[in-house]
Amino acid sequence: MTYATDRLHEEIAYVAFHFHWGPDAILDLEHQDRRRYTQQIASLVTRAAPEG
């Protein structure tokens, strides 16, 4: 099974934006690790968002 290119680009942009990592460093991650980072970032962003 191949991973959708659009989804991969979204993950790269998301991690790069929040961690300031370059695309090469993000692409060097295993798929599972990259997904874990995106999930952890989403959790942190959600918790930090002001309620209102």
Protein backbone atom coordinates (compact mmCIF):
# COMPACT_ATOMS: atom_id res chain seq x y z
CA MET A 1 0.00 0.00 0.00
CA THR A 2 1.28 3.46 -0.79
CA TYR A 3 0.76 6.49 1.37
CA ALA A 4 -1.12 9.35 -0.28
CA THR A 5 1.23 12.06 -1.45
CA ASP A 6 -1.11 14.82 -0.29
CA ARG A 7 -1.25 13.31 3.21
CA LEU A 8 2.53 13.01 3.33
CA HIS A 9 2.91 16.66 2.37
CA GLU A 10 0.41 17.66 5.06
CA GLU A 11 2.40 15.76 7.69
CA ILE A 12 5.67 17.32 6.55
CA ALA A 13 4.19 20.83 6.63
CA TYR A 14 2.60 20.25 10.04
CA VAL A 15 5.76 18.96 11.71
CA ALA A 16 7.97 21.53 9.95
CA PHE A 17 5.71 24.39 11.04
CA HIS A 18 5.63 23.37 14.69
CA PHE A 19 9.13 21.95 15.18
CA HIS A 20 11.00 24.01 12.56
CA TRP A 21 12.52 20.85 11.09
CA GLY A 22 13.48 20.62 7.43
CA PRO A 23 11.71 18.24 5.05
CA ASP A 24 14.69 15.88 4.85
CA ALA A 25 14.73 15.34 8.62
CA ILE A 26 10.99 14.67 8.62
CA LEU A 27 11.17 12.30 5.65
CA ASP A 28 13.95 10.37 7.41
CA LEU A 29 11.45 9.41 10.11
CA GLU A 30 9.63 6.10 9.88
CA HIS A 31 6.00 6.50 8.91
CA GLN A 32 4.80 5.43 12.37
CA ASP A 33 7.11 7.92 14.10
CA ARG A 34 6.03 10.76 11.83
CA ARG A 35 2.36 9.98 12.53
CA ARG A 36 3.11 9.91 16.27
CA TYR A 37 4.68 13.37 16.05
CA THR A 38 1.66 14.77 14.19
CA GLN A 39 -0.69 13.28 16.78
CA GLN A 40 1.35 14.67 19.67
CA ILE A 41 1.50 18.12 18.08
CA ALA A 42 -2.27 18.07 17.54
CA SER A 43 -2.76 17.16 21.19
CA LEU A 44 -0.52 19.98 22.37
CA VAL A 45 -2.19 22.51 20.06
CA THR A 46 -5.63 21.46 21.24
CA ARG A 47 -4.68 21.78 24.90
CA ALA A 48 -3.07 25.19 24.32
CA ALA A 49 -6.03 26.61 22.41
CA PRO A 50 -7.98 29.18 24.42
CA GLU A 51 -11.51 28.19 25.27
CA GLY A 52 -14.10 30.57 24.16
